[in-house]
Each structure stands twice: as structure tokens, then as C-alpha cells.
Amino acid sequence: MELSFIEYQKEARRTANTNLSERMVYANFGMGLAGESGEVCDYLKKVAFHDHDLDKEKLADELGDVLWYIANLAEAAGLSLADIAVGNIEKLRKRYPDGFDPARSKNR
């Protein structure tokens, strides 16, 4: 199954708690994003420093949780994941027109 960003954002919103005030929606999704990002970091720490093998399914599961919070935070703010993705690529193409360059990274 393939999903566009638009389809994913719609599906993610379907499972979000909408019975919160606007401020609490932002807090819920922002804090959830931080928590799930921390879970990704903690998992990768175990791979890097505790000699765990990388389980791609586990990583994908954790990244999916991060994506869910990103999609819902964007939706709550009236932003499109597709537009965010395009804007990010445009920014990176300006910053690194020939691909990543350590010198350009240091002298931004």
C-alpha cells in the first residue's frame, strides 16, 4: 500500500484526539513528537553503544510514530505535509546545490 502525504495526513487525523482545546492539541502533538523522537534516539543509542542489531521493523515502527505526530501537528496548524516536504527540499537545494558539502555546512 502506498500513501501520498495528503492521504497519510488524512488517515493520521482520523485517529487523533480532537476533543481538546487548540492549545492542548498543539501541546499534545508537540510533546508526543518529542517523546517519540526520544524513543527513536534511545533505540539507535542501543544499536550504536549497546551492540544491539538494527531491527529495521522496530525502527520503522518508531519512525511511524514520529510521522503520526508530525502529520497531526501540521494538520492542527493548517499545514500540508506535502507543502512542508517541498519547502524543505527547496531549502536544502539552495543550501547544498551540489549535494551535501561539509564546507557549506560550516559556512552557512
PDB file of N, CA and C in Angstrom:
ATOM      1  N   MET A   1       0.851  -1.184   0.000  1.00  0.00           N
ATOM      2  CA  MET A   1       0.000   0.000   0.000  1.00  0.00           C
ATOM      3  C   MET A   1       0.891   1.239   0.000  1.00  0.00           C
ATOM      4  N   GLU A   2       0.616   2.142  -0.892  1.00  0.00           N
ATOM      5  CA  GLU A   2       1.323   3.421  -0.929  1.00  0.00           C
ATOM      6  C   GLU A   2       0.351   4.522  -0.579  1.00  0.00           C
ATOM      7  N   LEU A   3       0.856   5.511   0.159  1.00  0.00           N
ATOM      8  CA  LEU A   3       0.050   6.672   0.541  1.00  0.00           C
ATOM      9  C   LEU A   3       0.787   7.938   0.151  1.00  0.00           C
ATOM     10  N   SER A   4       0.060   8.900  -0.342  1.00  0.00           N
ATOM     11  CA  SER A   4       0.643  10.225  -0.533  1.00  0.00           C
ATOM     12  C   SER A   4       0.665  10.911   0.826  1.00  0.00           C
ATOM     13  N   PHE A   5       1.401  11.995   0.921  1.00  0.00           N
ATOM     14  CA  PHE A   5       1.384  12.774   2.160  1.00  0.00           C
ATOM     15  C   PHE A   5      -0.033  13.226   2.499  1.00  0.00           C
ATOM     16  N   ILE A   6      -0.789  13.612   1.489  1.00  0.00           N
ATOM     17  CA  ILE A   6      -2.163  14.083   1.711  1.00  0.00           C
ATOM     18  C   ILE A   6      -3.016  12.958   2.298  1.00  0.00           C
ATOM     19  N   GLU A   7      -2.918  11.771   1.716  1.00  0.00           N
ATOM     20  CA  GLU A   7      -3.679  10.626   2.218  1.00  0.00           C
ATOM     21  C   GLU A   7      -3.236  10.246   3.632  1.00  0.00           C
ATOM     22  N   TYR A   8      -1.923  10.244   3.866  1.00  0.00           N
ATOM     23  CA  TYR A   8      -1.421   9.886   5.189  1.00  0.00           C
ATOM     24  C   TYR A   8      -1.914  10.872   6.238  1.00  0.00           C
ATOM     25  N   GLN A   9      -1.842  12.143   5.921  1.00  0.00           N
ATOM     26  CA  GLN A   9      -2.268  13.172   6.876  1.00  0.00           C
ATOM     27  C   GLN A   9      -3.747  12.992   7.223  1.00  0.00           C
ATOM     28  N   LYS A  10      -4.555  12.689   6.232  1.00  0.00           N
ATOM     29  CA  LYS A  10      -5.984  12.462   6.472  1.00  0.00           C
ATOM     30  C   LYS A  10      -6.204  11.235   7.355  1.00  0.00           C
ATOM     31  N   GLU A  11      -5.494  10.157   7.065  1.00  0.00           N
ATOM     32  CA  GLU A  11      -5.631   8.933   7.853  1.00  0.00           C
ATOM     33  C   GLU A  11      -5.122   9.118   9.281  1.00  0.00           C
ATOM     34  N   ALA A  12      -4.027   9.837   9.436  1.00  0.00           N
ATOM     35  CA  ALA A  12      -3.489  10.086  10.775  1.00  0.00           C
ATOM     36  C   ALA A  12      -4.473  10.918  11.598  1.00  0.00           C
ATOM     37  N   ARG A  13      -5.073  11.899  10.975  1.00  0.00           N
ATOM     38  CA  ARG A  13      -6.029  12.772  11.679  1.00  0.00           C
ATOM     39  C   ARG A  13      -7.222  11.969  12.185  1.00  0.00           C
ATOM     40  N   ARG A  14      -7.601  10.934  11.454  1.00  0.00           N
ATOM     41  CA  ARG A  14      -8.745  10.108  11.822  1.00  0.00           C
ATOM     42  C   ARG A  14      -8.576   9.468  13.190  1.00  0.00           C
ATOM     43  N   THR A  15      -7.330   9.229  13.585  1.00  0.00           N
ATOM     44  CA  THR A  15      -7.076   8.543  14.856  1.00  0.00           C
ATOM     45  C   THR A  15      -6.576   9.476  15.959  1.00  0.00           C
ATOM     46  N   ALA A  16      -6.673  10.772  15.727  1.00  0.00           N
ATOM     47  CA  ALA A  16      -6.208  11.747  16.722  1.00  0.00           C
ATOM     48  C   ALA A  16      -7.336  12.169  17.651  1.00  0.00           C
ATOM     49  N   ASN A  17      -6.987  12.495  18.876  1.00  0.00           N
ATOM     50  CA  ASN A  17      -7.945  13.018  19.850  1.00  0.00           C
ATOM     51  C   ASN A  17      -8.285  14.460  19.467  1.00  0.00           C
ATOM     52  N   THR A  18      -9.504  14.691  19.076  1.00  0.00           N
ATOM     53  CA  THR A  18      -9.931  16.038  18.665  1.00  0.00           C
ATOM     54  C   THR A  18     -10.755  16.731  19.745  1.00  0.00           C
ATOM     55  N   ASN A  19     -10.859  16.114  20.911  1.00  0.00           N
ATOM     56  CA  ASN A  19     -11.660  16.694  21.993  1.00  0.00           C
ATOM     57  C   ASN A  19     -10.810  17.541  22.929  1.00  0.00           C
ATOM     58  N   LEU A  20      -9.912  18.318  22.367  1.00  0.00           N
ATOM     59  CA  LEU A  20      -9.019  19.169  23.143  1.00  0.00           C
ATOM     60  C   LEU A  20      -9.110  20.597  22.632  1.00  0.00           C
ATOM     61  N   SER A  21      -8.761  21.547  23.484  1.00  0.00           N
ATOM     62  CA  SER A  21      -8.685  22.937  23.027  1.00  0.00           C
ATOM     63  C   SER A  21      -7.518  23.055  22.041  1.00  0.00           C
ATOM     64  N   GLU A  22      -7.506  24.138  21.291  1.00  0.00           N
ATOM     65  CA  GLU A  22      -6.450  24.333  20.297  1.00  0.00           C
ATOM     66  C   GLU A  22      -5.069  24.287  20.945  1.00  0.00           C
ATOM     67  N   ARG A  23      -4.909  24.943  22.070  1.00  0.00           N
ATOM     68  CA  ARG A  23      -3.616  24.951  22.760  1.00  0.00           C
ATOM     69  C   ARG A  23      -3.222  23.546  23.216  1.00  0.00           C
ATOM     70  N   MET A  24      -4.191  22.805  23.697  1.00  0.00           N
ATOM     71  CA  MET A  24      -3.892  21.449  24.170  1.00  0.00           C
ATOM     72  C   MET A  24      -3.583  20.508  23.007  1.00  0.00           C
ATOM     73  N   VAL A  25      -4.208  20.755  21.856  1.00  0.00           N
ATOM     74  CA  VAL A  25      -3.875  19.967  20.662  1.00  0.00           C
ATOM     75  C   VAL A  25      -2.400  20.168  20.311  1.00  0.00           C
ATOM     76  N   TYR A  26      -1.962  21.435  20.278  1.00  0.00           N
ATOM     77  CA  TYR A  26      -0.551  21.716  19.972  1.00  0.00           C
ATOM     78  C   TYR A  26       0.369  21.086  21.013  1.00  0.00           C
ATOM     79  N   ALA A  27      -0.012  21.207  22.279  1.00  0.00           N
ATOM     80  CA  ALA A  27       0.811  20.625  23.349  1.00  0.00           C
ATOM     81  C   ALA A  27       0.860  19.101  23.218  1.00  0.00           C
ATOM     82  N   ASN A  28      -0.286  18.486  22.992  1.00  0.00           N
ATOM     83  CA  ASN A  28      -0.349  17.030  22.867  1.00  0.00           C
ATOM     84  C   ASN A  28       0.541  16.534  21.728  1.00  0.00           C
ATOM     85  N   PHE A  29       0.387  17.128  20.554  1.00  0.00           N
ATOM     86  CA  PHE A  29       1.153  16.663  19.402  1.00  0.00           C
ATOM     87  C   PHE A  29       2.628  17.043  19.516  1.00  0.00           C
ATOM     88  N   GLY A  30       2.933  18.223  20.034  1.00  0.00           N
ATOM     89  CA  GLY A  30       4.330  18.632  20.211  1.00  0.00           C
ATOM     90  C   GLY A  30       5.054  17.758  21.221  1.00  0.00           C
ATOM     91  N   MET A  31       4.405  17.510  22.353  1.00  0.00           N
ATOM     92  CA  MET A  31       5.020  16.661  23.373  1.00  0.00           C
ATOM     93  C   MET A  31       5.115  15.209  22.897  1.00  0.00           C
ATOM     94  N   GLY A  32       4.098  14.760  22.179  1.00  0.00           N
ATOM     95  CA  GLY A  32       4.144  13.408  21.623  1.00  0.00           C
ATOM     96  C   GLY A  32       5.281  13.261  20.632  1.00  0.00           C
ATOM     97  N   LEU A  33       5.491  14.279  19.805  1.00  0.00           N
ATOM     98  CA  LEU A  33       6.592  14.265  18.838  1.00  0.00           C
ATOM     99  C   LEU A  33       7.928  14.171  19.565  1.00  0.00           C
ATOM    100  N   ALA A  34       8.086  14.961  20.613  1.00  0.00           N
ATOM    101  CA  ALA A  34       9.333  14.921  21.376  1.00  0.00           C
ATOM    102  C   ALA A  34       9.540  13.541  22.010  1.00  0.00           C
ATOM    103  N   GLY A  35       8.477  12.986  22.569  1.00  0.00           N
ATOM    104  CA  GLY A  35       8.580  11.677  23.204  1.00  0.00           C
ATOM    105  C   GLY A  35       8.923  10.580  22.218  1.00  0.00           C
ATOM    106  N   GLU A  36       8.255  10.577  21.082  1.00  0.00           N
ATOM    107  CA  GLU A  36       8.517   9.536  20.082  1.00  0.00           C
ATOM    108  C   GLU A  36       9.894   9.715  19.445  1.00  0.00           C
ATOM    109  N   SER A  37      10.317  10.964  19.247  1.00  0.00           N
ATOM    110  CA  SER A  37      11.673  11.210  18.736  1.00  0.00           C
ATOM    111  C   SER A  37      12.699  10.682  19.726  1.00  0.00           C
ATOM    112  N   GLY A  38      12.412  10.857  21.008  1.00  0.00           N
ATOM    113  CA  GLY A  38      13.286  10.313  22.042  1.00  0.00           C
ATOM    114  C   GLY A  38      13.362   8.799  21.983  1.00  0.00           C
ATOM    115  N   GLU A  39      12.239   8.155  21.668  1.00  0.00           N
ATOM    116  CA  GLU A  39      12.255   6.696  21.549  1.00  0.00           C
ATOM    117  C   GLU A  39      13.135   6.250  20.380  1.00  0.00           C
ATOM    118  N   VAL A  40      13.098   7.000  19.279  1.00  0.00           N
ATOM    119  CA  VAL A  40      13.978   6.686  18.151  1.00  0.00           C
ATOM    120  C   VAL A  40      15.433   6.838  18.589  1.00  0.00           C
ATOM    121  N   CYS A  41      15.737   7.944  19.256  1.00  0.00           N
ATOM    122  CA  CYS A  41      17.112   8.172  19.726  1.00  0.00           C
ATOM    123  C   CYS A  41      17.562   7.083  20.688  1.00  0.00           C
ATOM    124  N   ASP A  42      16.684   6.699  21.614  1.00  0.00           N
ATOM    125  CA  ASP A  42      17.046   5.677  22.586  1.00  0.00           C
ATOM    126  C   ASP A  42      17.305   4.341  21.890  1.00  0.00           C
ATOM    127  N   TYR A  43      16.478   4.019  20.906  1.00  0.00           N
ATOM    128  CA  TYR A  43      16.676   2.770  20.168  1.00  0.00           C
ATOM    129  C   TYR A  43      18.017   2.786  19.425  1.00  0.00           C
ATOM    130  N   LEU A  44      18.307   3.898  18.741  1.00  0.00           N
ATOM    131  CA  LEU A  44      19.565   3.991  17.998  1.00  0.00           C
ATOM    132  C   LEU A  44      20.770   4.019  18.929  1.00  0.00           C
ATOM    133  N   LYS A  45      20.598   4.553  20.132  1.00  0.00           N
ATOM    134  CA  LYS A  45      21.669   4.510  21.140  1.00  0.00           C
ATOM    135  C   LYS A  45      22.014   3.063  21.463  1.00  0.00           C
ATOM    136  N   LYS A  46      20.988   2.233  21.600  1.00  0.00           N
ATOM    137  CA  LYS A  46      21.226   0.814  21.894  1.00  0.00           C
ATOM    138  C   LYS A  46      21.951   0.121  20.744  1.00  0.00           C
ATOM    139  N   VAL A  47      21.609   0.505  19.525  1.00  0.00           N
ATOM    140  CA  VAL A  47      22.287  -0.065  18.359  1.00  0.00           C
ATOM    141  C   VAL A  47      23.748   0.398  18.328  1.00  0.00           C
ATOM    142  N   ALA A  48      23.967   1.686  18.563  1.00  0.00           N
ATOM    143  CA  ALA A  48      25.319   2.249  18.450  1.00  0.00           C
ATOM    144  C   ALA A  48      26.227   1.876  19.616  1.00  0.00           C
ATOM    145  N   PHE A  49      25.681   1.886  20.830  1.00  0.00           N
ATOM    146  CA  PHE A  49      26.548   1.758  22.003  1.00  0.00           C
ATOM    147  C   PHE A  49      26.344   0.497  22.838  1.00  0.00           C
ATOM    148  N   HIS A  50      25.251  -0.238  22.603  1.00  0.00           N
ATOM    149  CA  HIS A  50      24.971  -1.429  23.396  1.00  0.00           C
ATOM    150  C   HIS A  50      25.050  -2.700  22.558  1.00  0.00           C
ATOM    151  N   ASP A  51      25.547  -2.552  21.346  1.00  0.00           N
ATOM    152  CA  ASP A  51      25.783  -3.686  20.460  1.00  0.00           C
ATOM    153  C   ASP A  51      24.510  -4.431  20.053  1.00  0.00           C
ATOM    154  N   HIS A  52      23.372  -3.720  20.035  1.00  0.00           N
ATOM    155  CA  HIS A  52      22.142  -4.334  19.527  1.00  0.00           C
ATOM    156  C   HIS A  52      22.199  -4.336  17.999  1.00  0.00           C
ATOM    157  N   ASP A  53      21.619  -5.353  17.398  1.00  0.00           N
ATOM    158  CA  ASP A  53      21.475  -5.366  15.941  1.00  0.00           C
ATOM    159  C   ASP A  53      20.344  -4.419  15.561  1.00  0.00           C
ATOM    160  N   LEU A  54      20.489  -3.772  14.419  1.00  0.00           N
ATOM    161  CA  LEU A  54      19.430  -2.890  13.941  1.00  0.00           C
ATOM    162  C   LEU A  54      18.264  -3.731  13.449  1.00  0.00           C
ATOM    163  N   ASP A  55      17.118  -3.514  14.041  1.00  0.00           N
ATOM    164  CA  ASP A  55      15.876  -4.160  13.616  1.00  0.00           C
ATOM    165  C   ASP A  55      15.109  -3.120  12.810  1.00  0.00           C
ATOM    166  N   LYS A  56      15.117  -3.274  11.495  1.00  0.00           N
ATOM    167  CA  LYS A  56      14.500  -2.269  10.621  1.00  0.00           C
ATOM    168  C   LYS A  56      13.003  -2.149  10.867  1.00  0.00           C
ATOM    169  N   GLU A  57      12.353  -3.238  11.217  1.00  0.00           N
ATOM    170  CA  GLU A  57      10.916  -3.165  11.517  1.00  0.00           C
ATOM    171  C   GLU A  57      10.669  -2.327  12.766  1.00  0.00           C
ATOM    172  N   LYS A  58      11.495  -2.503  13.791  1.00  0.00           N
ATOM    173  CA  LYS A  58      11.370  -1.707  15.021  1.00  0.00           C
ATOM    174  C   LYS A  58      11.623  -0.240  14.711  1.00  0.00           C
ATOM    175  N   LEU A  59      12.663   0.036  13.940  1.00  0.00           N
ATOM    176  CA  LEU A  59      12.967   1.414  13.573  1.00  0.00           C
ATOM    177  C   LEU A  59      11.820   2.019  12.776  1.00  0.00           C
ATOM    178  N   ALA A  60      11.290   1.283  11.813  1.00  0.00           N
ATOM    179  CA  ALA A  60      10.172   1.774  11.008  1.00  0.00           C
ATOM    180  C   ALA A  60       8.954   2.056  11.883  1.00  0.00           C
ATOM    181  N   ASP A  61       8.697   1.198  12.865  1.00  0.00           N
ATOM    182  CA  ASP A  61       7.580   1.393  13.781  1.00  0.00           C
ATOM    183  C   ASP A  61       7.742   2.690  14.573  1.00  0.00           C
ATOM    184  N   GLU A  62       8.939   2.908  15.091  1.00  0.00           N
ATOM    185  CA  GLU A  62       9.192   4.133  15.864  1.00  0.00           C
ATOM    186  C   GLU A  62       9.129   5.371  14.973  1.00  0.00           C
ATOM    187  N   LEU A  63       9.683   5.280  13.765  1.00  0.00           N
ATOM    188  CA  LEU A  63       9.613   6.407  12.837  1.00  0.00           C
ATOM    189  C   LEU A  63       8.171   6.690  12.422  1.00  0.00           C
ATOM    190  N   GLY A  64       7.361   5.644  12.314  1.00  0.00           N
ATOM    191  CA  GLY A  64       5.944   5.832  12.014  1.00  0.00           C
ATOM    192  C   GLY A  64       5.240   6.626  13.101  1.00  0.00           C
ATOM    193  N   ASP A  65       5.592   6.362  14.365  1.00  0.00           N
ATOM    194  CA  ASP A  65       5.002   7.136  15.462  1.00  0.00           C
ATOM    195  C   ASP A  65       5.399   8.604  15.373  1.00  0.00           C
ATOM    196  N   VAL A  66       6.660   8.869  15.013  1.00  0.00           N
ATOM    197  CA  VAL A  66       7.118  10.253  14.825  1.00  0.00           C
ATOM    198  C   VAL A  66       6.330  10.907  13.693  1.00  0.00           C
ATOM    199  N   LEU A  67       6.175  10.184  12.591  1.00  0.00           N
ATOM    200  CA  LEU A  67       5.450  10.716  11.437  1.00  0.00           C
ATOM    201  C   LEU A  67       4.005  11.034  11.791  1.00  0.00           C
ATOM    202  N   TRP A  68       3.367  10.179  12.597  1.00  0.00           N
ATOM    203  CA  TRP A  68       1.983  10.407  13.011  1.00  0.00           C
ATOM    204  C   TRP A  68       1.858  11.736  13.748  1.00  0.00           C
ATOM    205  N   TYR A  69       2.763  11.995  14.672  1.00  0.00           N
ATOM    206  CA  TYR A  69       2.707  13.257  15.410  1.00  0.00           C
ATOM    207  C   TYR A  69       3.012  14.449  14.515  1.00  0.00           C
ATOM    208  N   ILE A  70       3.964  14.307  13.608  1.00  0.00           N
ATOM    209  CA  ILE A  70       4.264  15.392  12.670  1.00  0.00           C
ATOM    210  C   ILE A  70       3.035  15.697  11.814  1.00  0.00           C
ATOM    211  N   ALA A  71       2.411  14.649  11.291  1.00  0.00           N
ATOM    212  CA  ALA A  71       1.233  14.844  10.440  1.00  0.00           C
ATOM    213  C   ALA A  71       0.113  15.540  11.195  1.00  0.00           C
ATOM    214  N   ASN A  72      -0.130  15.133  12.422  1.00  0.00           N
ATOM    215  CA  ASN A  72      -1.220  15.733  13.182  1.00  0.00           C
ATOM    216  C   ASN A  72      -0.898  17.146  13.655  1.00  0.00           C
ATOM    217  N   LEU A  73       0.346  17.410  13.971  1.00  0.00           N
ATOM    218  CA  LEU A  73       0.735  18.771  14.338  1.00  0.00           C
ATOM    219  C   LEU A  73       0.594  19.691  13.134  1.00  0.00           C
ATOM    220  N   ALA A  74       1.026  19.223  11.982  1.00  0.00           N
ATOM    221  CA  ALA A  74       0.868  20.015  10.751  1.00  0.00           C
ATOM    222  C   ALA A  74      -0.608  20.269  10.475  1.00  0.00           C
ATOM    223  N   GLU A  75      -1.408  19.243  10.578  1.00  0.00           N
ATOM    224  CA  GLU A  75      -2.850  19.363  10.330  1.00  0.00           C
ATOM    225  C   GLU A  75      -3.488  20.371  11.281  1.00  0.00           C
ATOM    226  N   ALA A  76      -3.133  20.292  12.546  1.00  0.00           N
ATOM    227  CA  ALA A  76      -3.694  21.213  13.547  1.00  0.00           C
ATOM    228  C   ALA A  76      -3.350  22.663  13.229  1.00  0.00           C
ATOM    229  N   ALA A  77      -2.183  22.875  12.626  1.00  0.00           N
ATOM    230  CA  ALA A  77      -1.750  24.225  12.278  1.00  0.00           C
ATOM    231  C   ALA A  77      -2.205  24.635  10.879  1.00  0.00           C
ATOM    232  N   GLY A  78      -2.948  23.765  10.196  1.00  0.00           N
ATOM    233  CA  GLY A  78      -3.419  24.088   8.850  1.00  0.00           C
ATOM    234  C   GLY A  78      -2.320  23.996   7.805  1.00  0.00           C
ATOM    235  N   LEU A  79      -1.328  23.154   8.060  1.00  0.00           N
ATOM    236  CA  LEU A  79      -0.218  22.977   7.135  1.00  0.00           C
ATOM    237  C   LEU A  79      -0.318  21.632   6.432  1.00  0.00           C
ATOM    238  N   SER A  80       0.177  21.580   5.237  1.00  0.00           N
ATOM    239  CA  SER A  80       0.182  20.352   4.440  1.00  0.00           C
ATOM    240  C   SER A  80       1.557  19.702   4.523  1.00  0.00           C
ATOM    241  N   LEU A  81       1.584  18.404   4.830  1.00  0.00           N
ATOM    242  CA  LEU A  81       2.862  17.673   4.822  1.00  0.00           C
ATOM    243  C   LEU A  81       3.532  17.770   3.454  1.00  0.00           C
ATOM    244  N   ALA A  82       2.745  17.698   2.410  1.00  0.00           N
ATOM    245  CA  ALA A  82       3.304  17.792   1.055  1.00  0.00           C
ATOM    246  C   ALA A  82       3.991  19.139   0.852  1.00  0.00           C
ATOM    247  N   ASP A  83       3.350  20.219   1.274  1.00  0.00           N
ATOM    248  CA  ASP A  83       3.954  21.556   1.146  1.00  0.00           C
ATOM    249  C   ASP A  83       5.205  21.680   2.022  1.00  0.00           C
ATOM    250  N   ILE A  84       5.156  21.106   3.210  1.00  0.00           N
ATOM    251  CA  ILE A  84       6.322  21.138   4.102  1.00  0.00           C
ATOM    252  C   ILE A  84       7.486  20.398   3.444  1.00  0.00           C
ATOM    253  N   ALA A  85       7.209  19.236   2.859  1.00  0.00           N
ATOM    254  CA  ALA A  85       8.254  18.444   2.212  1.00  0.00           C
ATOM    255  C   ALA A  85       8.870  19.210   1.039  1.00  0.00           C
ATOM    256  N   VAL A  86       8.040  19.811   0.210  1.00  0.00           N
ATOM    257  CA  VAL A  86       8.541  20.578  -0.938  1.00  0.00           C
ATOM    258  C   VAL A  86       9.382  21.754  -0.454  1.00  0.00           C
ATOM    259  N   GLY A  87       8.884  22.475   0.550  1.00  0.00           N
ATOM    260  CA  GLY A  87       9.631  23.619   1.081  1.00  0.00           C
ATOM    261  C   GLY A  87      10.976  23.210   1.653  1.00  0.00           C
ATOM    262  N   ASN A  88      11.018  22.076   2.309  1.00  0.00           N
ATOM    263  CA  ASN A  88      12.266  21.597   2.888  1.00  0.00           C
ATOM    264  C   ASN A  88      13.268  21.234   1.804  1.00  0.00           C
ATOM    265  N   ILE A  89      12.816  20.563   0.761  1.00  0.00           N
ATOM    266  CA  ILE A  89      13.719  20.201  -0.339  1.00  0.00           C
ATOM    267  C   ILE A  89      14.236  21.455  -1.042  1.00  0.00           C
ATOM    268  N   GLU A  90      13.362  22.438  -1.239  1.00  0.00           N
ATOM    269  CA  GLU A  90      13.806  23.691  -1.866  1.00  0.00           C
ATOM    270  C   GLU A  90      14.874  24.371  -1.021  1.00  0.00           C
ATOM    271  N   LYS A  91      14.683  24.404   0.285  1.00  0.00           N
ATOM    272  CA  LYS A  91      15.668  24.992   1.195  1.00  0.00           C
ATOM    273  C   LYS A  91      16.996  24.246   1.098  1.00  0.00           C
ATOM    274  N   LEU A  92      16.935  22.917   1.092  1.00  0.00           N
ATOM    275  CA  LEU A  92      18.165  22.115   1.033  1.00  0.00           C
ATOM    276  C   LEU A  92      18.879  22.251  -0.307  1.00  0.00           C
ATOM    277  N   ARG A  93      18.126  22.389  -1.393  1.00  0.00           N
ATOM    278  CA  ARG A  93      18.753  22.574  -2.711  1.00  0.00           C
ATOM    279  C   ARG A  93      19.501  23.905  -2.780  1.00  0.00           C
ATOM    280  N   LYS A  94      18.946  24.930  -2.128  1.00  0.00           N
ATOM    281  CA  LYS A  94      19.649  26.221  -2.077  1.00  0.00           C
ATOM    282  C   LYS A  94      20.899  26.115  -1.209  1.00  0.00           C
ATOM    283  N   ARG A  95      20.770  25.425  -0.094  1.00  0.00           N
ATOM    284  CA  ARG A  95      21.888  25.296   0.841  1.00  0.00           C
ATOM    285  C   ARG A  95      22.991  24.404   0.284  1.00  0.00           C
ATOM    286  N   TYR A  96      22.603  23.327  -0.380  1.00  0.00           N
ATOM    287  CA  TYR A  96      23.551  22.341  -0.911  1.00  0.00           C
ATOM    288  C   TYR A  96      23.220  22.050  -2.371  1.00  0.00           C
ATOM    289  N   PRO A  97      23.489  22.969  -3.273  1.00  0.00           N
ATOM    290  CA  PRO A  97      23.087  22.788  -4.678  1.00  0.00           C
ATOM    291  C   PRO A  97      23.738  21.580  -5.355  1.00  0.00           C
ATOM    292  N   ASP A  98      24.898  21.157  -4.885  1.00  0.00           N
ATOM    293  CA  ASP A  98      25.585  20.012  -5.480  1.00  0.00           C
ATOM    294  C   ASP A  98      25.603  18.819  -4.528  1.00  0.00           C
ATOM    295  N   GLY A  99      24.678  18.759  -3.607  1.00  0.00           N
ATOM    296  CA  GLY A  99      24.669  17.723  -2.585  1.00  0.00           C
ATOM    297  C   GLY A  99      25.395  18.201  -1.340  1.00  0.00           C
ATOM    298  N   PHE A 100      25.375  17.384  -0.290  1.00  0.00           N
ATOM    299  CA  PHE A 100      25.991  17.784   0.974  1.00  0.00           C
ATOM    300  C   PHE A 100      27.458  18.120   0.794  1.00  0.00           C
ATOM    301  N   ASP A 101      27.860  19.191   1.454  1.00  0.00           N
ATOM    302  CA  ASP A 101      29.245  19.653   1.407  1.00  0.00           C
ATOM    303  C   ASP A 101      29.614  20.129   2.811  1.00  0.00           C
ATOM    304  N   PRO A 102      30.595  19.487   3.449  1.00  0.00           N
ATOM    305  CA  PRO A 102      30.958  19.889   4.810  1.00  0.00           C
ATOM    306  C   PRO A 102      31.332  21.370   4.923  1.00  0.00           C
ATOM    307  N   ALA A 103      32.014  21.913   3.913  1.00  0.00           N
ATOM    308  CA  ALA A 103      32.393  23.318   3.950  1.00  0.00           C
ATOM    309  C   ALA A 103      31.167  24.227   3.956  1.00  0.00           C
ATOM    310  N   ARG A 104      30.180  23.902   3.122  1.00  0.00           N
ATOM    311  CA  ARG A 104      28.946  24.704   3.091  1.00  0.00           C
ATOM    312  C   ARG A 104      28.183  24.546   4.403  1.00  0.00           C
ATOM    313  N   SER A 105      28.294  23.387   5.006  1.00  0.00           N
ATOM    314  CA  SER A 105      27.644  23.161   6.284  1.00  0.00           C
ATOM    315  C   SER A 105      28.228  24.052   7.376  1.00  0.00           C
ATOM    316  N   LYS A 106      29.531  24.232   7.348  1.00  0.00           N
ATOM    317  CA  LYS A 106      30.203  25.063   8.357  1.00  0.00           C
ATOM    318  C   LYS A 106      30.039  26.542   8.098  1.00  0.00           C
ATOM    319  N   ASN A 107      29.908  26.926   6.828  1.00  0.00           N
ATOM    320  CA  ASN A 107      29.858  28.342   6.453  1.00  0.00           C
ATOM    321  C   ASN A 107      28.495  28.712   5.873  1.00  0.00           C
ATOM    322  N   ARG A 108      27.475  28.560   6.684  1.00  0.00           N
ATOM    323  CA  ARG A 108      26.120  28.867   6.205  1.00  0.00           C
ATOM    324  C   ARG A 108      25.778  30.305   6.460  1.00  0.00           C
TER     325      ARG A 108
END
